Protein backbone atom coordinates (compact mmCIF):
# COMPACT_ATOMS: atom_id res chain seq x y z
CA MET A 1 18.81 -22.26 -19.82
CA ASP A 2 22.52 -22.56 -19.45
CA ASP A 3 23.47 -24.02 -16.06
CA SER A 4 26.99 -22.84 -16.12
CA VAL A 5 27.90 -19.81 -14.10
CA ARG A 6 28.87 -16.96 -16.47
CA PHE A 7 30.24 -14.56 -13.95
CA THR A 8 30.42 -13.88 -10.23
CA GLU A 9 30.05 -10.48 -8.63
CA SER A 10 30.33 -9.28 -4.94
CA ALA A 11 29.32 -6.35 -2.94
CA ASP A 12 29.16 -5.54 0.78
CA VAL A 13 25.37 -5.33 0.65
CA VAL A 14 23.03 -6.85 -1.95
CA VAL A 15 19.53 -5.30 -1.97
CA VAL A 16 16.81 -7.65 -3.59
CA GLY A 17 14.11 -5.41 -5.04
CA PHE A 18 14.40 -1.75 -6.06
CA GLY A 19 11.14 -0.17 -4.95
CA ALA A 20 10.76 2.27 -2.22
CA ALA A 21 12.27 0.05 0.51
CA GLY A 22 15.08 -1.15 -1.88
CA THR A 23 16.10 2.23 -2.89
CA CYS A 24 16.02 3.63 0.64
CA SER A 25 18.04 0.56 1.89
CA ALA A 26 20.61 0.91 -0.88
CA ILE A 27 20.92 4.70 -0.14
CA ALA A 28 21.31 4.25 3.48
CA ALA A 29 23.96 1.56 3.14
CA ARG A 30 25.94 3.45 0.48
CA GLU A 31 25.77 6.46 2.65
CA ALA A 32 27.20 4.42 5.51
CA GLY A 33 30.14 3.52 3.35
CA ALA A 34 29.30 0.15 1.97
CA ASP A 35 29.62 -1.07 -1.70
CA VAL A 36 25.94 -1.81 -2.78
CA LEU A 37 24.54 -3.86 -5.61
CA ALA A 38 20.81 -3.74 -6.07
CA LEU A 39 18.80 -6.27 -8.09
CA ASP A 40 15.28 -6.30 -9.54
CA ARG A 41 13.44 -8.81 -11.52
CA ALA A 42 11.81 -6.12 -13.72
CA ASN A 43 12.87 -2.60 -14.41
CA GLY A 44 12.81 -1.27 -10.83
CA GLY A 45 10.09 0.68 -9.03
CA GLY A 46 7.83 -2.25 -8.00
CA SER A 47 4.68 -1.35 -6.56
CA THR A 48 5.96 2.02 -5.43
CA ALA A 49 6.12 3.43 -8.96
CA ILE A 50 2.58 2.62 -9.67
CA SER A 51 1.30 3.70 -6.30
CA GLY A 52 -0.44 7.02 -5.36
CA GLY A 53 2.84 8.22 -3.89
CA ILE A 54 1.35 9.00 -0.53
CA ILE A 55 3.58 9.15 2.56
CA TYR A 56 2.07 9.24 5.99
CA ALA A 57 4.08 11.79 8.09
CA GLY A 58 3.44 14.39 10.73
CA GLY A 59 4.69 15.76 13.89
CA GLY A 60 5.43 19.09 12.31
CA THR A 61 6.95 18.31 8.95
CA TRP A 62 8.19 21.33 6.84
CA VAL A 63 5.19 20.77 4.40
CA GLN A 64 2.70 20.93 7.37
CA GLN A 65 4.43 24.07 8.66
CA GLN A 66 4.29 25.57 5.27
CA ALA A 67 0.61 24.83 5.02
CA GLY A 68 -0.14 26.17 8.39
CA VAL A 69 -1.11 22.76 9.89
CA ASN A 70 -0.74 22.39 13.56
CA ASP A 71 0.75 19.10 14.38
CA ASN A 72 3.08 17.59 16.95
CA TYR A 73 4.66 14.40 18.11
CA ALA A 74 2.03 13.61 20.90
CA GLN A 75 -1.05 14.14 18.57
CA MET A 76 0.56 11.91 15.81
CA LEU A 77 1.45 9.23 18.28
CA ASP A 78 -1.96 9.21 19.89
CA TYR A 79 -3.61 8.55 16.44
CA LEU A 80 -1.19 5.93 15.22
CA ARG A 81 -1.57 4.08 18.49
CA LEU A 82 -5.14 3.56 17.49
CA GLU A 83 -4.25 2.44 13.95
CA VAL A 84 -1.09 0.40 14.46
CA GLY A 85 -2.17 -1.40 17.50
CA ASP A 86 0.35 -4.26 18.26
CA ALA A 87 1.97 -4.43 14.95
CA VAL A 88 5.15 -3.07 16.33
CA SER A 89 6.44 -2.30 19.79
CA SER A 90 5.60 1.03 21.50
CA GLN A 91 9.27 1.98 21.21
CA THR A 92 9.35 1.32 17.48
CA LEU A 93 6.24 3.47 16.95
CA GLU A 94 7.65 6.20 19.08
CA SER A 95 10.84 6.15 17.03
CA PHE A 96 8.86 6.31 13.67
CA VAL A 97 6.72 9.18 14.87
CA ALA A 98 9.72 11.12 16.32
CA GLY A 99 11.66 10.75 13.04
CA SER A 100 8.69 11.68 10.86
CA PRO A 101 9.66 15.32 10.28
CA GLU A 102 13.28 14.29 9.51
CA MET A 103 12.00 11.50 7.09
CA ILE A 104 10.25 14.05 4.90
CA ARG A 105 13.33 16.33 4.94
CA TRP A 106 15.45 13.27 4.00
CA LEU A 107 13.19 12.47 1.17
CA SER A 108 13.10 16.08 -0.18
CA ASP A 109 16.74 16.52 0.16
CA ARG A 110 17.17 13.46 -2.15
CA GLY A 111 14.72 14.98 -4.79
CA VAL A 112 11.29 13.78 -3.90
CA PRO A 113 8.99 16.74 -4.53
CA PHE A 114 6.38 17.84 -2.04
CA ASP A 115 3.70 20.53 -1.97
CA SER A 116 1.95 22.22 0.85
CA THR A 117 -1.43 22.86 -0.89
CA LEU A 118 -4.19 21.74 1.53
CA CYS A 119 -7.09 19.59 0.18
CA PRO A 120 -10.35 21.31 1.56
CA TYR A 121 -12.51 18.31 1.64
CA LYS A 122 -12.29 14.60 2.70
CA THR A 123 -11.27 12.31 0.03
CA SER A 124 -9.63 8.93 -0.81
CA TYR A 125 -7.07 10.65 -3.05
CA PRO A 126 -6.75 14.34 -3.78
CA ASN A 127 -6.79 15.58 -7.52
CA ASN A 128 -3.78 17.43 -8.96
CA HIS A 129 -4.53 20.70 -7.20
CA TYR A 130 -3.91 19.27 -3.69
CA TYR A 131 -0.98 17.52 -2.03
CA LEU A 132 -1.57 17.43 1.81
CA TYR A 133 -4.86 15.88 3.15
CA HIS A 134 -6.49 13.60 5.72
CA SER A 135 -5.40 10.19 4.38
CA GLY A 136 -6.58 8.01 7.03
CA SER A 137 -9.55 7.93 9.55
CA GLU A 138 -8.52 11.00 11.34
CA ASN A 139 -11.94 12.69 10.83
CA ALA A 140 -13.89 9.63 12.00
CA GLY A 141 -15.77 9.79 15.29
CA ALA A 142 -13.87 6.93 17.03
CA PHE A 143 -10.56 8.68 16.40
CA ARG A 144 -11.64 12.36 16.52
CA SER A 145 -12.89 11.97 20.15
CA GLN A 146 -9.31 10.96 21.19
CA THR A 147 -7.04 13.03 19.00
CA PRO A 148 -7.58 16.21 16.67
CA PRO A 149 -7.93 15.31 13.05
CA VAL A 150 -4.69 16.57 11.28
CA GLN A 151 -3.62 16.38 7.59
CA ARG A 152 -0.69 13.90 7.38
CA GLY A 153 -1.04 12.45 3.88
CA HIS A 154 1.82 13.87 1.99
CA ARG A 155 1.11 13.24 -1.61
CA VAL A 156 4.44 13.37 -3.77
CA LYS A 157 3.94 16.13 -6.36
CA GLY A 158 3.04 14.97 -9.72
CA ASN A 159 0.09 14.52 -12.06
CA GLY A 160 -2.07 11.30 -11.72
CA THR A 161 -0.85 8.71 -9.25
CA SER A 162 2.41 10.05 -8.34
CA GLY A 163 4.46 7.02 -6.94
CA LYS A 164 6.82 7.25 -9.85
CA LYS A 165 7.76 10.69 -8.77
CA MET A 166 8.84 9.17 -5.57
CA HIS A 167 10.76 6.33 -6.99
CA ALA A 168 12.67 8.06 -9.72
CA PRO A 169 14.38 10.55 -7.54
CA LEU A 170 15.41 7.91 -5.08
CA ALA A 171 16.59 5.54 -7.87
CA LYS A 172 18.72 8.60 -9.31
CA THR A 173 20.15 9.43 -5.96
CA ALA A 174 21.22 5.77 -5.34
CA LEU A 175 22.93 5.50 -8.68
CA ALA A 176 24.65 8.92 -8.26
CA LEU A 177 25.94 7.64 -4.91
CA GLY A 178 27.56 4.65 -6.59
CA VAL A 179 24.93 2.02 -6.09
CA ARG A 180 25.22 -0.65 -8.93
CA PHE A 181 21.75 -1.66 -10.16
CA HIS A 182 21.12 -4.78 -12.23
CA PRO A 183 17.50 -4.94 -13.48
CA HIS A 184 16.07 -8.11 -15.20
CA THR A 185 17.69 -10.20 -12.52
CA LYS A 186 15.69 -12.61 -10.48
CA VAL A 187 17.05 -14.01 -7.16
CA THR A 188 16.39 -17.60 -6.93
CA GLY A 189 18.10 -18.77 -3.76
CA LEU A 190 20.22 -17.51 -0.77
CA LEU A 191 23.87 -18.67 -0.42
CA ARG A 192 24.84 -19.59 3.14
CA ASN A 193 28.19 -20.68 4.59
CA SER A 194 28.69 -23.72 6.93
CA SER A 195 27.76 -21.58 9.90
CA GLY A 196 24.45 -20.68 8.53
CA ARG A 197 25.38 -17.09 7.67
CA VAL A 198 23.79 -15.63 4.49
CA VAL A 199 26.67 -14.77 2.26
CA GLY A 200 25.04 -14.04 -1.21
CA VAL A 201 22.38 -14.88 -3.66
CA ALA A 202 21.87 -17.10 -6.61
CA ALA A 203 20.11 -15.51 -9.48
CA THR A 204 19.15 -15.57 -13.14
CA THR A 205 19.89 -12.53 -15.27
CA MET A 206 19.19 -11.13 -18.72
CA ARG A 207 22.35 -9.13 -18.76
CA ASP A 208 24.08 -11.24 -21.36
CA ALA A 209 20.94 -11.26 -23.73
CA PRO A 210 21.43 -9.30 -26.99
CA PRO A 211 20.47 -5.60 -26.68
CA HIS A 212 17.28 -5.96 -28.70
CA VAL A 213 16.24 -8.84 -26.46
CA GLN A 214 16.82 -6.72 -23.40
CA ARG A 215 14.87 -3.78 -24.83
CA LEU A 216 11.91 -6.14 -25.52
CA TYR A 217 12.12 -7.66 -22.13
CA SER A 218 12.09 -4.15 -20.55
CA ARG A 219 8.98 -3.24 -22.54
CA LEU A 220 7.16 -6.44 -21.82
CA ALA A 221 8.00 -5.90 -18.00
CA ALA A 222 6.57 -2.39 -18.14
CA VAL A 223 3.36 -3.40 -19.77
CA SER A 224 3.00 -6.20 -17.24
CA THR A 225 3.26 -3.72 -14.41
CA LYS A 226 0.91 -1.04 -15.92
CA PRO A 227 -1.58 -1.38 -17.51
CA GLY A 228 -1.21 -5.06 -16.54
CA ILE A 229 -2.23 -4.24 -12.95
CA TYR A 230 -5.64 -3.31 -14.24
CA TYR A 231 -6.22 -6.16 -16.67
CA PRO A 232 -4.95 -9.50 -15.40
CA PRO A 233 -5.26 -11.37 -18.89
CA LEU A 234 -2.88 -8.75 -20.38
CA ARG A 235 -0.46 -9.21 -17.39
CA ASN A 236 -0.57 -12.99 -17.85
CA LEU A 237 0.24 -12.72 -21.53
CA MET A 238 3.25 -10.47 -20.74
CA GLU A 239 4.51 -12.76 -18.04
CA ARG A 240 4.29 -15.80 -20.33
CA ARG A 241 6.47 -13.94 -23.03
CA LEU A 242 8.85 -12.91 -20.36
CA ARG A 243 9.32 -16.56 -19.23
CA ARG A 244 10.02 -17.63 -22.76
CA LEU A 245 12.73 -14.97 -23.09
CA GLU A 246 14.22 -16.09 -19.86
CA ARG A 247 14.24 -19.79 -20.79
CA ARG A 248 16.18 -18.92 -23.94
CA TYR A 249 18.49 -16.09 -22.65
CA ALA A 250 18.77 -16.06 -18.92
CA ARG A 251 22.10 -16.98 -17.42
CA LEU A 252 22.86 -18.06 -13.72
CA VAL A 253 24.98 -15.98 -11.60
CA ARG A 254 26.23 -16.15 -7.94
CA ILE A 255 26.58 -12.92 -6.17
CA GLU A 256 28.45 -12.58 -2.91
CA ALA A 257 27.22 -10.40 -0.15
CA ARG A 258 30.17 -9.73 2.21
CA SER A 259 27.98 -7.85 4.77
CA GLY A 260 24.44 -8.93 4.16
CA VAL A 261 21.40 -9.35 1.85
CA ILE A 262 18.40 -7.18 2.24
CA LEU A 263 15.03 -8.60 1.07
CA CYS A 264 12.75 -5.76 -0.36
CA ALA A 265 10.86 -7.98 -2.84
CA GLY A 266 7.32 -6.92 -1.95
CA GLY A 267 4.32 -8.85 -0.61
CA TYR A 268 2.31 -11.77 -1.98
CA ILE A 269 -0.82 -10.32 -3.34
CA GLY A 270 0.14 -11.70 -6.63
CA ASN A 271 0.23 -15.26 -5.41
CA SER A 272 -3.33 -16.62 -5.67
CA GLU A 273 -2.32 -19.92 -4.05
CA TRP A 274 -0.98 -18.14 -0.98
CA ILE A 275 -4.17 -15.94 -0.85
CA GLN A 276 -6.41 -19.01 -0.98
CA ARG A 277 -4.29 -20.57 1.85
CA PHE A 278 -3.79 -17.73 4.22
CA ALA A 279 -6.84 -15.34 3.38
CA PRO A 280 -9.29 -17.16 1.36
CA GLN A 281 -11.95 -14.48 1.95
CA TYR A 282 -9.75 -11.89 0.12
CA THR A 283 -10.55 -12.94 -3.45
CA GLY A 284 -12.07 -11.04 -6.27
CA GLY A 285 -10.28 -7.83 -5.76
CA LEU A 286 -7.69 -5.93 -7.89
CA GLN A 287 -4.04 -7.24 -6.91
CA LEU A 288 -2.43 -4.02 -5.89
CA GLY A 289 1.09 -4.79 -6.90
CA THR A 290 3.36 -6.13 -9.70
CA SER A 291 3.88 -9.73 -10.78
CA GLY A 292 6.88 -9.61 -8.37
CA ASP A 293 4.49 -9.42 -5.42
CA ASP A 294 4.34 -13.09 -5.39
CA GLY A 295 5.82 -13.90 -2.05
CA SER A 296 9.13 -14.88 -3.50
CA GLY A 297 11.04 -12.64 -1.08
CA ILE A 298 9.26 -14.25 1.82
CA ALA A 299 9.92 -17.69 0.49
CA LEU A 300 13.58 -16.89 0.18
CA ALA A 301 13.77 -15.86 3.82
CA GLN A 302 11.89 -18.93 4.99
CA SER A 303 14.54 -21.01 3.17
CA ALA A 304 17.04 -19.60 5.65
CA GLY A 305 14.86 -20.31 8.60
CA ALA A 306 12.78 -17.11 8.79
CA VAL A 307 9.31 -17.21 10.32
CA THR A 308 6.21 -15.34 9.08
CA GLU A 309 3.54 -13.48 10.92
CA ARG A 310 0.10 -11.82 10.19
CA MET A 311 -0.03 -13.79 6.86
CA ASP A 312 -3.86 -13.54 6.91
CA ASN A 313 -3.92 -9.79 7.14
CA VAL A 314 -4.84 -8.28 3.68
CA SER A 315 -5.97 -4.66 3.22
CA ALA A 316 -9.02 -4.41 0.94
CA TRP A 317 -9.88 -0.78 -0.13
CA ARG A 318 -13.44 0.23 -0.55
CA PHE A 319 -13.37 3.88 -1.01
CA ILE A 320 -16.64 5.79 -1.32
CA THR A 321 -14.92 9.32 -2.02
CA PRO A 322 -14.69 11.35 -4.18
CA PRO A 323 -17.29 12.67 -4.36
CA SER A 324 -17.02 13.82 -0.78
CA ALA A 325 -20.88 13.92 -0.40
CA PHE A 326 -20.99 10.23 -0.07
CA ILE A 327 -19.56 10.43 3.39
CA SER A 328 -23.03 11.67 4.39
CA ALA A 329 -24.56 8.65 2.88
CA ILE A 330 -24.83 5.42 4.80
CA ILE A 331 -23.43 1.98 3.89
CA VAL A 332 -25.60 -0.98 4.53
CA ASP A 333 -25.24 -4.74 4.09
CA GLU A 334 -27.71 -7.22 2.62
CA HIS A 335 -29.66 -7.10 5.91
CA GLY A 336 -30.11 -3.37 5.53
CA GLU A 337 -27.82 -2.75 8.55
CA ARG A 338 -25.09 -0.12 8.83
CA VAL A 339 -21.66 -1.47 8.03
CA ILE A 340 -19.31 1.24 9.60
CA ASP A 341 -18.97 4.92 10.23
CA GLU A 342 -18.75 6.22 6.57
CA SER A 343 -16.11 8.79 7.43
CA ARG A 344 -13.54 5.92 8.07
CA TYR A 345 -10.69 5.24 5.63
CA GLY A 346 -11.60 2.92 2.70
CA ALA A 347 -9.48 0.16 4.03
CA ALA A 348 -11.44 0.16 7.25
CA VAL A 349 -14.64 0.00 5.23
CA GLY A 350 -13.16 -2.92 3.22
CA HIS A 351 -12.04 -4.65 6.33
CA ALA A 352 -15.52 -4.38 7.86
CA MET A 353 -17.29 -5.61 4.79
CA VAL A 354 -15.01 -8.74 4.41
CA ARG A 355 -14.64 -9.66 7.93
CA HIS A 356 -18.19 -8.89 9.18
CA HIS A 357 -20.46 -8.58 6.20
CA GLU A 358 -19.44 -11.30 3.74
CA GLY A 359 -18.12 -8.68 1.40
CA LYS A 360 -21.50 -7.13 0.75
CA GLY A 361 -22.20 -3.45 0.87
CA TRP A 362 -24.35 -0.71 -0.75
CA ILE A 363 -24.22 3.07 -0.45
CA LEU A 364 -27.63 4.49 0.20
CA VAL A 365 -28.26 8.07 -1.03
CA ASP A 366 -31.45 10.02 -1.47
CA ALA A 367 -32.07 12.58 -4.30
CA ALA A 368 -30.61 15.60 -2.78
CA LEU A 369 -27.36 13.73 -1.87
CA LEU A 370 -27.11 12.20 -5.26
CA LYS A 371 -27.48 15.66 -6.84
CA GLU A 372 -24.80 17.12 -4.68
CA ALA A 373 -22.45 14.18 -5.58
CA ARG A 374 -22.93 14.59 -9.23
CA ARG A 375 -21.97 18.24 -9.00
CA GLN A 376 -18.83 17.40 -7.08
CA MET A 377 -17.85 14.84 -9.93
CA ILE A 378 -16.96 17.78 -12.05
CA THR A 379 -14.18 19.21 -9.85
CA GLN A 380 -13.05 16.66 -7.12
CA PRO A 381 -11.94 13.51 -8.81
CA LEU A 382 -8.98 12.55 -11.03
CA TRP A 383 -10.01 10.99 -14.26
CA PHE A 384 -9.96 7.28 -13.08
CA GLN A 385 -11.92 8.09 -9.94
CA ARG A 386 -14.49 9.96 -12.13
CA ALA A 387 -14.66 6.91 -14.38
CA GLN A 388 -15.17 4.66 -11.41
CA SER A 389 -17.84 6.90 -9.79
CA ALA A 390 -19.68 7.33 -13.03
CA ALA A 391 -19.71 3.51 -13.63
CA LEU A 392 -20.98 2.94 -10.12
CA MET A 393 -23.81 5.41 -10.62
CA LEU A 394 -24.77 4.28 -14.03
CA LEU A 395 -24.12 0.60 -14.05
CA ASP A 396 -24.11 -0.59 -10.40
CA SER A 397 -27.03 1.25 -9.02
CA THR A 398 -30.65 0.49 -8.15
CA LYS A 399 -33.39 3.27 -7.83
CA GLY A 400 -36.75 3.25 -6.07
CA ALA A 401 -39.41 5.68 -5.23
CA SER A 402 -39.51 4.47 -1.59
CA LEU A 403 -36.79 2.81 0.83
CA ARG A 404 -38.80 -0.46 0.56
CA GLU A 405 -38.88 -0.40 -3.14
CA VAL A 406 -35.20 0.35 -3.71
CA ALA A 407 -34.33 -2.48 -1.21
CA GLU A 408 -36.44 -5.05 -2.79
CA ARG A 409 -34.96 -4.17 -6.20
CA ALA A 410 -31.51 -4.33 -4.96
CA GLY A 411 -31.79 -7.49 -2.86
CA VAL A 412 -31.43 -5.75 0.49
CA ASP A 413 -33.74 -6.64 3.31
CA ALA A 414 -36.39 -3.95 3.18
CA ASP A 415 -37.49 -4.09 6.80
CA GLY A 416 -33.80 -3.82 7.92
CA LEU A 417 -33.16 -0.85 5.61
CA VAL A 418 -36.27 1.08 6.72
CA ALA A 419 -35.40 0.58 10.36
CA THR A 420 -31.78 1.62 9.85
CA VAL A 421 -32.74 4.82 8.00
CA ALA A 422 -35.28 5.62 10.74
CA ALA A 423 -32.51 5.20 13.49
CA HIS A 424 -30.22 7.30 11.44
CA ASN A 425 -32.72 10.19 10.96
CA THR A 426 -34.02 10.10 14.45
CA ALA A 427 -30.49 10.50 15.84
CA ILE A 428 -30.03 13.60 13.72
CA ASP A 429 -33.50 14.97 14.74
CA THR A 430 -32.94 14.53 18.39
CA GLY A 431 -29.32 15.49 18.53
CA ALA A 432 -28.31 12.06 19.68
CA ALA A 433 -25.08 10.27 18.73
CA ASP A 434 -25.14 8.66 15.35
CA PRO A 435 -25.74 4.80 15.74
CA VAL A 436 -22.14 3.96 14.33
CA GLY A 437 -20.41 7.04 15.59
CA LYS A 438 -20.20 9.29 12.57
CA PRO A 439 -19.39 12.81 13.42
CA ALA A 440 -22.23 15.31 13.45
CA ASP A 441 -20.63 17.61 10.64
CA PHE A 442 -20.97 14.61 8.23
CA LEU A 443 -24.57 13.73 9.04
CA ARG A 444 -27.43 14.41 6.59
CA ARG A 445 -30.99 13.14 6.83
CA ILE A 446 -31.85 10.59 4.23
CA SER A 447 -35.51 11.60 3.36
CA GLU A 448 -35.96 12.93 -0.20
CA PRO A 449 -37.09 10.25 -2.71
CA PRO A 450 -36.13 8.71 -5.09
CA TYR A 451 -33.49 6.69 -3.22
CA THR A 452 -30.44 4.91 -4.78
CA LEU A 453 -28.44 1.89 -3.66
CA LEU A 454 -24.98 1.70 -5.06
CA ASN A 455 -23.51 -1.58 -5.02
CA ILE A 456 -19.97 -1.54 -3.69
CA SER A 457 -19.86 -5.30 -2.79
CA ILE A 458 -16.36 -6.85 -3.03
CA ARG A 459 -16.32 -8.85 -6.14
CA PRO A 460 -14.55 -9.16 -9.64
CA ASN A 461 -15.37 -5.87 -11.26
CA LEU A 462 -13.19 -4.13 -13.85
CA LEU A 463 -15.08 -0.91 -13.67
CA ASN A 464 -15.07 -0.40 -9.84
CA PRO A 465 -12.57 -2.87 -8.57
CA THR A 466 -11.48 -3.37 -4.82
CA PRO A 467 -7.66 -2.91 -4.65
CA MET A 468 -5.89 -5.25 -2.26
CA LEU A 469 -2.46 -5.68 -0.84
CA THR A 470 -0.88 -7.96 1.75
CA LEU A 471 0.35 -6.65 5.10
CA GLY A 472 1.88 -9.86 6.62
CA GLY A 473 5.39 -11.12 6.03
CA ILE A 474 8.48 -12.25 7.65
CA ARG A 475 9.40 -11.18 11.25
CA VAL A 476 12.28 -8.77 11.68
CA ASP A 477 14.19 -7.33 14.57
CA GLU A 478 12.59 -3.86 15.15
CA GLY A 479 16.02 -2.37 16.01
CA THR A 480 17.95 -3.45 13.04
CA GLY A 481 15.67 -5.03 10.39
CA ALA A 482 17.51 -8.41 10.75
CA VAL A 483 15.43 -11.44 9.77
CA LEU A 484 14.46 -13.63 12.81
CA ASP A 485 14.17 -17.39 13.00
CA GLU A 486 11.68 -19.31 15.14
CA SER A 487 13.76 -18.77 18.27
CA GLY A 488 13.75 -15.07 17.82
CA ALA A 489 17.38 -14.99 16.97
CA ALA A 490 18.71 -12.90 14.03
CA ILE A 491 19.74 -14.97 10.91
CA PRO A 492 23.27 -13.66 10.33
CA GLY A 493 23.64 -11.64 7.08
CA LEU A 494 19.93 -11.36 6.28
CA PHE A 495 17.73 -8.20 6.54
CA SER A 496 14.32 -7.20 5.19
CA ALA A 497 12.17 -4.15 4.74
CA GLY A 498 9.07 -3.06 3.03
CA ARG A 499 6.07 -5.61 2.47
CA THR A 500 8.36 -8.56 2.38
CA ALA A 501 8.51 -8.03 6.25
CA THR A 502 6.04 -7.00 8.80
CA GLY A 503 6.10 -3.41 10.01
CA ILE A 504 4.26 -0.32 10.98
CA CYS A 505 1.31 -0.91 8.72
CA SER A 506 0.92 -4.70 9.29
CA ASN A 507 -2.15 -4.40 11.50
CA SER A 508 -4.12 -1.53 10.03
CA TYR A 509 -3.50 0.39 6.75
CA VAL A 510 -4.17 3.96 6.02
CA SER A 511 -2.88 5.84 2.83
CA GLY A 512 0.79 6.50 2.99
CA LEU A 513 1.60 4.29 5.94
CA SER A 514 3.15 1.45 3.76
CA LEU A 515 5.46 3.83 1.88
CA ALA A 516 6.38 5.53 5.12
CA ASP A 517 7.25 2.22 6.60
CA CYS A 518 9.35 1.43 3.47
CA VAL A 519 11.39 4.56 3.96
CA PHE A 520 11.69 3.97 7.77
CA ALA A 521 12.45 0.22 7.62
CA GLY A 522 14.54 0.49 4.49
CA ARG A 523 16.88 3.04 6.01
CA ARG A 524 17.12 1.01 9.17
CA ALA A 525 18.05 -2.19 7.34
CA GLY A 526 20.58 -0.53 5.01
CA LYS A 527 22.36 1.19 7.98
CA HIS A 528 22.55 -1.91 9.97
CA ALA A 529 23.63 -4.26 7.13
CA ALA A 530 26.41 -1.78 6.17
CA ALA A 531 27.56 -1.69 9.85
CA GLN A 532 28.19 -5.34 9.95
CA ARG A 533 30.88 -5.22 7.10
CA LEU A 534 32.40 -1.97 8.47
CA ALA A 535 32.72 -3.53 11.99
CA GLU A 536 34.78 -6.43 10.48
CA ARG A 537 37.18 -4.25 8.60
């Protein structure tokens, strides 16, 4: 690599990473009057573009109103208080909830498409017919008793996983506003002046490479992102080829940031060394992100004195729906004991399995429930959900004529399973509360043989993987998005948003809460970074 600096650029605000948080930061800063340069190590989009495109919003969004969903500020706040906990202050959570309807309007005004068609059943992700659904644990007993279940999962309209339909309009809006975007540019360091203020970044870029090399680099980066996310050996191959191209063609650049640098470079799920250090129990899952989710943004902030928090908090998703019939099943561990209320969101199921049951879990269904689930497989899932459910039923299932027989075949404690099913059925027969609090409308007796145990244990499994993403990151000022040092003081000129930083979803994750936080925190960081420069003029 040529160590000489080929060119130097400058901007008021430099945004590192061009996914949801990065595009929203760039738009907000540009709309505030700042000159903005956005950088991305790949093609842009990050984890957002390969996500499901769910945005958690409520309090009476125009989408909810159009669907006839009755929601308000107080109901949404009550629910999120239970989920968010102490991840952010009460003032920040209240601001997030109060601004939720405006956030959806802001996104739709910038081209992000929404649809108000309600999903009529509980599912982890709706098919292409439905775009507003219960995306968290709103239906679960522990939550339903305190706040009415309301559909707040706003799925961006588009076939399949629709994250790309969120990112593309935001990127288009940013560019139309005059944001300059440099893909294939990897930030390697923060530049600071003698007083410690962050004044720019050092980076390597492929901008000077021959056009055919740039096109090849773009294709390799795209394959690394997807389908590389599903097959790590393919991603590793693509990344090795990308590094070879960088060694030959990349050039060093220094980019001045007159106002500030905003780090939106994703989390660290792609850094196996960090996972082993901070959250060693979260191994064997599908890394839900791109190769850029390697913690590099967090490390950059640390180099300037930033501190991290909640680094051991990883969200592991163990969805049991679709088919929705499985909510009426029970999930047991190797001792035959219930794991959790099965109507809880998949991240809550995964959390319980990892933290309290050594990652072990089986769905128990009887003949009637399995028959209903198979019927629902025709209409409810998207193709990849259908493939995963079919693989689970065909390849990861154990059947037995009795509860004791199926338990012994699956390696589950038979006495424990028999006792658990007896307690479950007795509660239904007597009208008592379910032993783990599942609402009555999801309860079904498990009594019709043969019985089937479906293995949903968290382990390496290409056919039915456990998606995981990191929720911890660097600490930021909740009013401005400024990165904080150990004393709690803001590091001048440095901001962050998205999964590089902690935020709304850093305690407990439900579908759409991360993307919603990217929008909320990204706009906040962009606005305040721009304000620094404008105040100096």
